[in-house]
Amino acid sequence: MTSPAAPADAKPHVALFVTCLVDLYRPSVGFAAIRLLEDAGCSVTVPDAQVCCGQPAYNAGDRADTTAIARQVIAAFEGYDYVVAPSGSCGGMIRDHYPALFAAEPAWQARANDLAGRTYELTSFLVDVLKVDSLANVACDGTATYHDSCSGLRELGVKEQPRKLLDSVAGLELVEMATPETCCGFGGTFCIKYGEVSTDIVGRKTADIAATGAGMLLAGDMGCLLNMAGKLKREGSKVQVRHVAEVLAGMADTPAIGEAE
């Protein structure tokens, strides 16, 4: 594969890993991520050859298909300075699990390690790599609470980064849940295999959300957001559910997740 040409202005060349759920259900999150990255001084490319990260197959125990998918992803994202995903789940799959898939193939494992070392969750990249301290001219009136997605928190250490950026959004008050780090019950294929357990877990999460009195729920993973938005809607809740990137990019004027356009 030919490496992408470096931008003439020597800006960091970032490849956006869009993720399946963003592509299929919430493209605005991808556009918000691009805006944030470009505003932070990056040149952004969205590789056409990218596919699913392979996590559904991996969670189902299908290592053969997961490995085949990983090969395509590795090839598609070679040559960029960084790879950024608006998802701790997909980022964690690439960073934590890809190298182990190729333990018996040294050449591919080296390529997987290279990709893993360049891959970041969006808010972590902005804060930890680009050293973005605050966002200028971004406002969002109201109160919000933040859910820490399991993969982003436990695999990638994403916790303070989104909160740091949200603190700079004019008019926004962040109200913490009693248990923001507790799983929402989605868990990829977990919610399909163990539907009743998943429903109980998300019910506890929505009760915690309601107890904050916040008018908006934010998180960094579309799987979690879709799961929680669905439960909130079934309960008749008026809480708006959004990906954190939409608020940080000043794009919170569109219908929230689960609302009619």
C-alpha atoms as a PDB file:
ATOM      1  CA  MET A   1       0.000   0.000   0.000  1.00  0.00           C
ATOM      2  CA  THR A   2       1.289   3.475  -0.849  1.00  0.00           C
ATOM      3  CA  SER A   3       1.542   5.723   2.200  1.00  0.00           C
ATOM      4  CA  PRO A   4      -0.635   8.847   2.160  1.00  0.00           C
ATOM      5  CA  ALA A   5       1.187  11.979   1.088  1.00  0.00           C
ATOM      6  CA  ALA A   6       2.147  14.251   3.969  1.00  0.00           C
ATOM      7  CA  PRO A   7       0.222  17.553   4.015  1.00  0.00           C
ATOM      8  CA  ALA A   8       2.235  20.393   2.513  1.00  0.00           C
ATOM      9  CA  ASP A   9       1.726  22.567   5.605  1.00  0.00           C
ATOM     10  CA  ALA A  10       3.177  19.866   7.886  1.00  0.00           C
ATOM     11  CA  LYS A  11       0.088  19.731  10.062  1.00  0.00           C
ATOM     12  CA  PRO A  12      -0.402  16.449  11.942  1.00  0.00           C
ATOM     13  CA  HIS A  13      -2.000  14.117   9.395  1.00  0.00           C
ATOM     14  CA  VAL A  14      -4.882  12.372  11.145  1.00  0.00           C
ATOM     15  CA  ALA A  15      -6.959   9.539   9.733  1.00  0.00           C
ATOM     16  CA  LEU A  16     -10.469   9.428  11.158  1.00  0.00           C
ATOM     17  CA  PHE A  17     -11.766   5.978  12.050  1.00  0.00           C
ATOM     18  CA  VAL A  18     -15.446   6.758  11.609  1.00  0.00           C
ATOM     19  CA  THR A  19     -16.859   3.567  13.275  1.00  0.00           C
ATOM     20  CA  CYS A  20     -19.842   1.584  12.027  1.00  0.00           C
ATOM     21  CA  LEU A  21     -22.425   3.073  14.371  1.00  0.00           C
ATOM     22  CA  VAL A  22     -21.433   6.645  13.564  1.00  0.00           C
ATOM     23  CA  ASP A  23     -21.549   5.889   9.850  1.00  0.00           C
ATOM     24  CA  LEU A  24     -24.910   4.131   9.977  1.00  0.00           C
ATOM     25  CA  TYR A  25     -26.768   5.941  12.756  1.00  0.00           C
ATOM     26  CA  ARG A  26     -25.145   9.287  13.568  1.00  0.00           C
ATOM     27  CA  PRO A  27     -22.939  10.709  10.786  1.00  0.00           C
ATOM     28  CA  SER A  28     -23.029  14.101  12.518  1.00  0.00           C
ATOM     29  CA  VAL A  29     -20.597  12.684  15.079  1.00  0.00           C
ATOM     30  CA  GLY A  30     -18.064  12.084  12.325  1.00  0.00           C
ATOM     31  CA  PHE A  31     -18.440  15.630  11.024  1.00  0.00           C
ATOM     32  CA  ALA A  32     -18.124  16.963  14.579  1.00  0.00           C
ATOM     33  CA  ALA A  33     -14.916  14.988  15.055  1.00  0.00           C
ATOM     34  CA  ILE A  34     -13.480  16.404  11.827  1.00  0.00           C
ATOM     35  CA  ARG A  35     -14.347  19.942  12.912  1.00  0.00           C
ATOM     36  CA  LEU A  36     -12.672  19.458  16.281  1.00  0.00           C
ATOM     37  CA  LEU A  37      -9.538  17.979  14.752  1.00  0.00           C
ATOM     38  CA  GLU A  38      -9.243  20.637  12.061  1.00  0.00           C
ATOM     39  CA  ASP A  39      -9.844  23.436  14.560  1.00  0.00           C
ATOM     40  CA  ALA A  40      -7.019  21.947  16.640  1.00  0.00           C
ATOM     41  CA  GLY A  41      -4.642  22.260  13.703  1.00  0.00           C
ATOM     42  CA  CYS A  42      -4.795  18.829  12.065  1.00  0.00           C
ATOM     43  CA  SER A  43      -5.159  17.765   8.462  1.00  0.00           C
ATOM     44  CA  VAL A  44      -7.870  15.086   8.423  1.00  0.00           C
ATOM     45  CA  THR A  45      -8.425  12.227   5.989  1.00  0.00           C
ATOM     46  CA  VAL A  46     -11.221   9.650   6.064  1.00  0.00           C
ATOM     47  CA  PRO A  47      -9.761   6.542   4.350  1.00  0.00           C
ATOM     48  CA  ASP A  48     -12.215   4.983   1.910  1.00  0.00           C
ATOM     49  CA  ALA A  49     -10.962   1.453   2.580  1.00  0.00           C
ATOM     50  CA  GLN A  50     -11.788   1.428   6.281  1.00  0.00           C
ATOM     51  CA  VAL A  51     -14.200  -1.188   7.591  1.00  0.00           C
ATOM     52  CA  CYS A  52     -15.573  -2.322  10.949  1.00  0.00           C
ATOM     53  CA  CYS A  53     -12.886  -2.734  13.627  1.00  0.00           C
ATOM     54  CA  GLY A  54     -13.991  -6.361  14.013  1.00  0.00           C
ATOM     55  CA  GLN A  55     -15.175  -6.141  17.600  1.00  0.00           C
ATOM     56  CA  PRO A  56     -18.552  -7.901  17.075  1.00  0.00           C
ATOM     57  CA  ALA A  57     -16.787 -10.924  15.564  1.00  0.00           C
ATOM     58  CA  TYR A  58     -14.125 -10.783  18.271  1.00  0.00           C
ATOM     59  CA  ASN A  59     -16.727 -10.720  21.057  1.00  0.00           C
ATOM     60  CA  ALA A  60     -18.462 -13.691  19.440  1.00  0.00           C
ATOM     61  CA  GLY A  61     -15.226 -15.702  19.493  1.00  0.00           C
ATOM     62  CA  ASP A  62     -14.745 -15.641  15.718  1.00  0.00           C
ATOM     63  CA  ARG A  63     -10.986 -15.068  15.577  1.00  0.00           C
ATOM     64  CA  ALA A  64     -10.655 -16.004  11.893  1.00  0.00           C
ATOM     65  CA  ASP A  65     -12.969 -13.266  10.641  1.00  0.00           C
ATOM     66  CA  THR A  66     -11.660 -10.808  13.242  1.00  0.00           C
ATOM     67  CA  THR A  67      -8.114 -11.332  11.984  1.00  0.00           C
ATOM     68  CA  ALA A  68      -9.176 -10.883   8.358  1.00  0.00           C
ATOM     69  CA  ILE A  69     -10.945  -7.643   9.245  1.00  0.00           C
ATOM     70  CA  ALA A  70      -7.954  -6.438  11.251  1.00  0.00           C
ATOM     71  CA  ARG A  71      -5.638  -6.949   8.275  1.00  0.00           C
ATOM     72  CA  GLN A  72      -7.799  -4.649   6.155  1.00  0.00           C
ATOM     73  CA  VAL A  73      -7.964  -1.996   8.862  1.00  0.00           C
ATOM     74  CA  ILE A  74      -4.207  -2.117   9.448  1.00  0.00           C
ATOM     75  CA  ALA A  75      -3.536  -1.678   5.723  1.00  0.00           C
ATOM     76  CA  ALA A  76      -6.071   1.132   5.357  1.00  0.00           C
ATOM     77  CA  PHE A  77      -4.552   3.215   8.131  1.00  0.00           C
ATOM     78  CA  GLU A  78      -0.853   2.839   7.426  1.00  0.00           C
ATOM     79  CA  GLY A  79       1.127   5.994   6.704  1.00  0.00           C
ATOM     80  CA  TYR A  80      -0.849   8.465   8.808  1.00  0.00           C
ATOM     81  CA  ASP A  81       0.634  10.278  11.787  1.00  0.00           C
ATOM     82  CA  TYR A  82      -2.328   9.389  13.983  1.00  0.00           C
ATOM     83  CA  VAL A  83      -5.591   7.463  13.845  1.00  0.00           C
ATOM     84  CA  VAL A  84      -8.441   8.952  15.864  1.00  0.00           C
ATOM     85  CA  ALA A  85     -11.820   7.393  16.652  1.00  0.00           C
ATOM     86  CA  PRO A  86     -14.858   9.025  18.293  1.00  0.00           C
ATOM     87  CA  SER A  87     -15.206   5.774  20.231  1.00  0.00           C
ATOM     88  CA  GLY A  88     -13.293   4.262  23.117  1.00  0.00           C
ATOM     89  CA  SER A  89     -14.694   0.877  22.153  1.00  0.00           C
ATOM     90  CA  CYS A  90     -13.240   0.797  18.634  1.00  0.00           C
ATOM     91  CA  GLY A  91     -10.072   2.521  19.801  1.00  0.00           C
ATOM     92  CA  GLY A  92      -9.639  -0.079  22.520  1.00  0.00           C
ATOM     93  CA  MET A  93     -10.134  -2.904  20.027  1.00  0.00           C
ATOM     94  CA  ILE A  94      -7.353  -1.581  17.814  1.00  0.00           C
ATOM     95  CA  ARG A  95      -4.950  -0.639  20.577  1.00  0.00           C
ATOM     96  CA  ASP A  96      -5.453  -3.484  23.025  1.00  0.00           C
ATOM     97  CA  HIS A  97      -6.543  -6.471  20.953  1.00  0.00           C
ATOM     98  CA  TYR A  98      -5.117  -6.199  17.444  1.00  0.00           C
ATOM     99  CA  PRO A  99      -1.491  -6.996  18.395  1.00  0.00           C
ATOM    100  CA  ALA A 100      -2.529 -10.194  20.224  1.00  0.00           C
ATOM    101  CA  LEU A 101      -4.406 -11.425  17.152  1.00  0.00           C
ATOM    102  CA  PHE A 102      -1.111 -11.764  15.300  1.00  0.00           C
ATOM    103  CA  ALA A 103       1.021 -13.381  18.004  1.00  0.00           C
ATOM    104  CA  ALA A 104       2.008 -16.130  15.545  1.00  0.00           C
ATOM    105  CA  GLU A 105       2.713 -13.725  12.669  1.00  0.00           C
ATOM    106  CA  PRO A 106       5.624 -11.408  13.587  1.00  0.00           C
ATOM    107  CA  ALA A 107       5.392  -9.244  10.467  1.00  0.00           C
ATOM    108  CA  TRP A 108       1.692  -8.559  10.910  1.00  0.00           C
ATOM    109  CA  GLN A 109       2.089  -8.123  14.651  1.00  0.00           C
ATOM    110  CA  ALA A 110       4.670  -5.402  14.018  1.00  0.00           C
ATOM    111  CA  ARG A 111       2.177  -3.626  11.754  1.00  0.00           C
ATOM    112  CA  ALA A 112      -0.568  -4.064  14.368  1.00  0.00           C
ATOM    113  CA  ASN A 113       1.697  -2.647  17.079  1.00  0.00           C
ATOM    114  CA  ASP A 114       2.507   0.322  14.864  1.00  0.00           C
ATOM    115  CA  LEU A 115      -1.187   1.064  14.348  1.00  0.00           C
ATOM    116  CA  ALA A 116      -1.942   0.574  18.041  1.00  0.00           C
ATOM    117  CA  GLY A 117       0.716   3.115  18.967  1.00  0.00           C
ATOM    118  CA  ARG A 118      -0.839   5.747  16.700  1.00  0.00           C
ATOM    119  CA  THR A 119      -4.490   5.195  17.661  1.00  0.00           C
ATOM    120  CA  TYR A 120      -6.402   7.406  20.099  1.00  0.00           C
ATOM    121  CA  GLU A 121      -9.923   8.108  21.281  1.00  0.00           C
ATOM    122  CA  LEU A 122     -11.013  11.594  20.177  1.00  0.00           C
ATOM    123  CA  THR A 123     -11.039  13.529  23.467  1.00  0.00           C
ATOM    124  CA  SER A 124      -7.872  11.793  24.640  1.00  0.00           C
ATOM    125  CA  PHE A 125      -6.120  12.818  21.428  1.00  0.00           C
ATOM    126  CA  LEU A 126      -7.218  16.426  21.771  1.00  0.00           C
ATOM    127  CA  VAL A 127      -6.165  16.739  25.408  1.00  0.00           C
ATOM    128  CA  ASP A 128      -3.249  14.319  25.795  1.00  0.00           C
ATOM    129  CA  VAL A 129      -1.552  14.646  22.398  1.00  0.00           C
ATOM    130  CA  LEU A 130      -2.533  18.063  21.042  1.00  0.00           C
ATOM    131  CA  LYS A 131      -2.660  19.626  24.530  1.00  0.00           C
ATOM    132  CA  VAL A 132      -5.988  21.362  23.924  1.00  0.00           C
ATOM    133  CA  ASP A 133      -6.933  23.030  27.216  1.00  0.00           C
ATOM    134  CA  SER A 134     -10.191  24.671  26.232  1.00  0.00           C
ATOM    135  CA  LEU A 135     -12.477  25.310  23.281  1.00  0.00           C
ATOM    136  CA  ALA A 136     -13.116  28.839  22.097  1.00  0.00           C
ATOM    137  CA  ASN A 137     -16.500  30.191  21.010  1.00  0.00           C
ATOM    138  CA  VAL A 138     -18.447  27.034  21.893  1.00  0.00           C
ATOM    139  CA  ALA A 139     -21.661  27.375  23.871  1.00  0.00           C
ATOM    140  CA  CYS A 140     -24.439  25.032  24.947  1.00  0.00           C
ATOM    141  CA  ASP A 141     -26.909  26.225  27.521  1.00  0.00           C
ATOM    142  CA  GLY A 142     -28.219  23.686  30.010  1.00  0.00           C
ATOM    143  CA  THR A 143     -27.164  20.889  32.318  1.00  0.00           C
ATOM    144  CA  ALA A 144     -25.551  17.630  31.266  1.00  0.00           C
ATOM    145  CA  THR A 145     -24.342  14.428  32.854  1.00  0.00           C
ATOM    146  CA  TYR A 146     -21.575  12.216  31.462  1.00  0.00           C
ATOM    147  CA  HIS A 147     -21.421   8.431  31.171  1.00  0.00           C
ATOM    148  CA  ASP A 148     -17.967   6.822  31.197  1.00  0.00           C
ATOM    149  CA  SER A 149     -18.033   4.046  28.612  1.00  0.00           C
ATOM    150  CA  CYS A 150     -16.352   0.849  29.772  1.00  0.00           C
ATOM    151  CA  SER A 151     -13.802   0.418  26.974  1.00  0.00           C
ATOM    152  CA  GLY A 152     -12.763   4.057  26.870  1.00  0.00           C
ATOM    153  CA  LEU A 153     -12.371   4.210  30.634  1.00  0.00           C
ATOM    154  CA  ARG A 154     -10.791   0.851  31.361  1.00  0.00           C
ATOM    155  CA  GLU A 155      -8.784   0.203  28.207  1.00  0.00           C
ATOM    156  CA  LEU A 156      -7.782   3.724  27.176  1.00  0.00           C
ATOM    157  CA  GLY A 157      -7.931   5.740  30.403  1.00  0.00           C
ATOM    158  CA  VAL A 158     -10.532   8.202  29.125  1.00  0.00           C
ATOM    159  CA  LYS A 159     -12.056   9.937  32.125  1.00  0.00           C
ATOM    160  CA  GLU A 160     -10.911  13.500  32.772  1.00  0.00           C
ATOM    161  CA  GLN A 161     -10.289  14.442  29.128  1.00  0.00           C
ATOM    162  CA  PRO A 162     -13.936  14.912  28.031  1.00  0.00           C
ATOM    163  CA  ARG A 163     -14.758  16.661  31.291  1.00  0.00           C
ATOM    164  CA  LYS A 164     -11.857  19.073  30.849  1.00  0.00           C
ATOM    165  CA  LEU A 165     -13.133  20.058  27.424  1.00  0.00           C
ATOM    166  CA  LEU A 166     -16.759  20.270  28.562  1.00  0.00           C
ATOM    167  CA  ASP A 167     -15.734  22.665  31.330  1.00  0.00           C
ATOM    168  CA  SER A 168     -14.823  25.203  28.637  1.00  0.00           C
ATOM    169  CA  VAL A 169     -18.237  25.089  26.934  1.00  0.00           C
ATOM    170  CA  ALA A 170     -20.010  28.335  27.814  1.00  0.00           C
ATOM    171  CA  GLY A 171     -23.389  27.925  29.491  1.00  0.00           C
ATOM    172  CA  LEU A 172     -23.012  24.202  30.159  1.00  0.00           C
ATOM    173  CA  GLU A 173     -23.173  22.825  33.692  1.00  0.00           C
ATOM    174  CA  LEU A 174     -21.904  19.271  34.214  1.00  0.00           C
ATOM    175  CA  VAL A 175     -23.732  17.315  36.925  1.00  0.00           C
ATOM    176  CA  GLU A 176     -22.166  13.978  37.819  1.00  0.00           C
ATOM    177  CA  MET A 177     -24.127  10.771  38.265  1.00  0.00           C
ATOM    178  CA  ALA A 178     -23.679   8.777  41.464  1.00  0.00           C
ATOM    179  CA  THR A 179     -22.085   5.982  39.386  1.00  0.00           C
ATOM    180  CA  PRO A 180     -20.833   7.439  36.094  1.00  0.00           C
ATOM    181  CA  GLU A 181     -18.359   4.561  35.642  1.00  0.00           C
ATOM    182  CA  THR A 182     -20.985   1.807  35.875  1.00  0.00           C
ATOM    183  CA  CYS A 183     -21.701  -0.127  32.663  1.00  0.00           C
ATOM    184  CA  CYS A 184     -24.850   0.834  30.748  1.00  0.00           C
ATOM    185  CA  GLY A 185     -25.552  -2.797  29.845  1.00  0.00           C
ATOM    186  CA  PHE A 186     -24.785  -2.552  26.107  1.00  0.00           C
ATOM    187  CA  GLY A 187     -21.511  -4.479  25.943  1.00  0.00           C
ATOM    188  CA  GLY A 188     -21.689  -5.136  22.196  1.00  0.00           C
ATOM    189  CA  THR A 189     -23.029  -8.651  21.759  1.00  0.00           C
ATOM    190  CA  PHE A 190     -23.671  -8.900  25.522  1.00  0.00           C
ATOM    191  CA  CYS A 191     -27.003  -7.086  25.178  1.00  0.00           C
ATOM    192  CA  ILE A 192     -28.077  -9.648  22.579  1.00  0.00           C
ATOM    193  CA  LYS A 193     -26.904 -12.738  24.440  1.00  0.00           C
ATOM    194  CA  TYR A 194     -28.165 -11.625  27.845  1.00  0.00           C
ATOM    195  CA  GLY A 195     -31.098  -9.347  27.073  1.00  0.00           C
ATOM    196  CA  GLU A 196     -32.783  -9.504  30.485  1.00  0.00           C
ATOM    197  CA  VAL A 197     -29.557  -8.794  32.347  1.00  0.00           C
ATOM    198  CA  SER A 198     -28.737  -5.958  29.970  1.00  0.00           C
ATOM    199  CA  THR A 199     -32.190  -4.436  30.447  1.00  0.00           C
ATOM    200  CA  ASP A 200     -31.792  -4.515  34.219  1.00  0.00           C
ATOM    201  CA  ILE A 201     -28.383  -2.836  34.001  1.00  0.00           C
ATOM    202  CA  VAL A 202     -29.537  -0.042  31.698  1.00  0.00           C
ATOM    203  CA  GLY A 203     -32.599   0.528  33.903  1.00  0.00           C
ATOM    204  CA  ARG A 204     -30.319   1.216  36.838  1.00  0.00           C
ATOM    205  CA  LYS A 205     -28.281   3.542  34.665  1.00  0.00           C
ATOM    206  CA  THR A 206     -31.288   5.557  33.498  1.00  0.00           C
ATOM    207  CA  ALA A 207     -32.449   5.893  37.110  1.00  0.00           C
ATOM    208  CA  ASP A 208     -29.042   7.336  37.953  1.00  0.00           C
ATOM    209  CA  ILE A 209     -29.305   9.711  34.999  1.00  0.00           C
ATOM    210  CA  ALA A 210     -32.752  10.872  36.067  1.00  0.00           C
ATOM    211  CA  ALA A 211     -31.557  11.490  39.631  1.00  0.00           C
ATOM    212  CA  THR A 212     -29.088  14.129  38.399  1.00  0.00           C
ATOM    213  CA  GLY A 213     -31.874  16.304  37.004  1.00  0.00           C
ATOM    214  CA  ALA A 214     -29.712  16.964  33.939  1.00  0.00           C
ATOM    215  CA  GLY A 215     -31.412  17.723  30.659  1.00  0.00           C
ATOM    216  CA  MET A 216     -28.740  16.092  28.546  1.00  0.00           C
ATOM    217  CA  LEU A 217     -26.794  12.823  28.620  1.00  0.00           C
ATOM    218  CA  LEU A 218     -23.354  12.737  26.990  1.00  0.00           C
ATOM    219  CA  ALA A 219     -20.904   9.931  26.300  1.00  0.00           C
ATOM    220  CA  GLY A 220     -18.141   9.037  23.857  1.00  0.00           C
ATOM    221  CA  ASP A 221     -19.433   5.737  22.449  1.00  0.00           C
ATOM    222  CA  MET A 222     -22.403   5.376  20.122  1.00  0.00           C
ATOM    223  CA  GLY A 223     -23.228   1.868  21.328  1.00  0.00           C
ATOM    224  CA  CYS A 224     -23.731   3.091  24.883  1.00  0.00           C
ATOM    225  CA  LEU A 225     -25.600   6.168  23.697  1.00  0.00           C
ATOM    226  CA  LEU A 226     -28.029   4.195  21.532  1.00  0.00           C
ATOM    227  CA  ASN A 227     -28.657   1.748  24.364  1.00  0.00           C
ATOM    228  CA  MET A 228     -29.315   4.436  26.961  1.00  0.00           C
ATOM    229  CA  ALA A 229     -31.326   6.613  24.558  1.00  0.00           C
ATOM    230  CA  GLY A 230     -33.588   3.681  23.733  1.00  0.00           C
ATOM    231  CA  LYS A 231     -34.285   2.956  27.387  1.00  0.00           C
ATOM    232  CA  LEU A 232     -34.866   6.621  28.215  1.00  0.00           C
ATOM    233  CA  LYS A 233     -37.342   6.923  25.353  1.00  0.00           C
ATOM    234  CA  ARG A 234     -39.226   3.818  26.484  1.00  0.00           C
ATOM    235  CA  GLU A 235     -39.475   5.364  29.939  1.00  0.00           C
ATOM    236  CA  GLY A 236     -40.854   8.600  28.503  1.00  0.00           C
ATOM    237  CA  SER A 237     -37.849  10.640  29.561  1.00  0.00           C
ATOM    238  CA  LYS A 238     -37.213  14.088  28.056  1.00  0.00           C
ATOM    239  CA  VAL A 239     -33.434  13.821  28.516  1.00  0.00           C
ATOM    240  CA  GLN A 240     -31.583  14.585  25.286  1.00  0.00           C
ATOM    241  CA  VAL A 241     -28.846  12.099  24.390  1.00  0.00           C
ATOM    242  CA  ARG A 242     -25.808  13.241  22.399  1.00  0.00           C
ATOM    243  CA  HIS A 243     -22.262  12.223  21.592  1.00  0.00           C
ATOM    244  CA  VAL A 244     -19.824  14.476  23.422  1.00  0.00           C
ATOM    245  CA  ALA A 245     -18.171  15.475  20.123  1.00  0.00           C
ATOM    246  CA  GLU A 246     -21.381  17.153  18.947  1.00  0.00           C
ATOM    247  CA  VAL A 247     -21.453  19.446  21.975  1.00  0.00           C
ATOM    248  CA  LEU A 248     -17.722  20.174  21.877  1.00  0.00           C
ATOM    249  CA  ALA A 249     -17.926  21.072  18.180  1.00  0.00           C
ATOM    250  CA  GLY A 250     -20.897  23.399  18.700  1.00  0.00           C
ATOM    251  CA  MET A 251     -23.207  21.076  16.776  1.00  0.00           C
ATOM    252  CA  ALA A 252     -25.866  20.433  19.409  1.00  0.00           C
ATOM    253  CA  ASP A 253     -28.641  22.198  17.497  1.00  0.00           C
ATOM    254  CA  THR A 254     -29.686  19.065  15.624  1.00  0.00           C
ATOM    255  CA  PRO A 255     -32.233  16.501  16.924  1.00  0.00           C
ATOM    256  CA  ALA A 256     -30.819  14.382  19.727  1.00  0.00           C
ATOM    257  CA  ILE A 257     -30.285  10.640  19.387  1.00  0.00           C
ATOM    258  CA  GLY A 258     -33.655   8.924  19.122  1.00  0.00           C
ATOM    259  CA  GLU A 259     -35.521  12.114  18.177  1.00  0.00           C
ATOM    260  CA  ALA A 260     -37.262  12.630  14.843  1.00  0.00           C
ATOM    261  CA  GLU A 261     -35.482  14.881  12.389  1.00  0.00           C
END
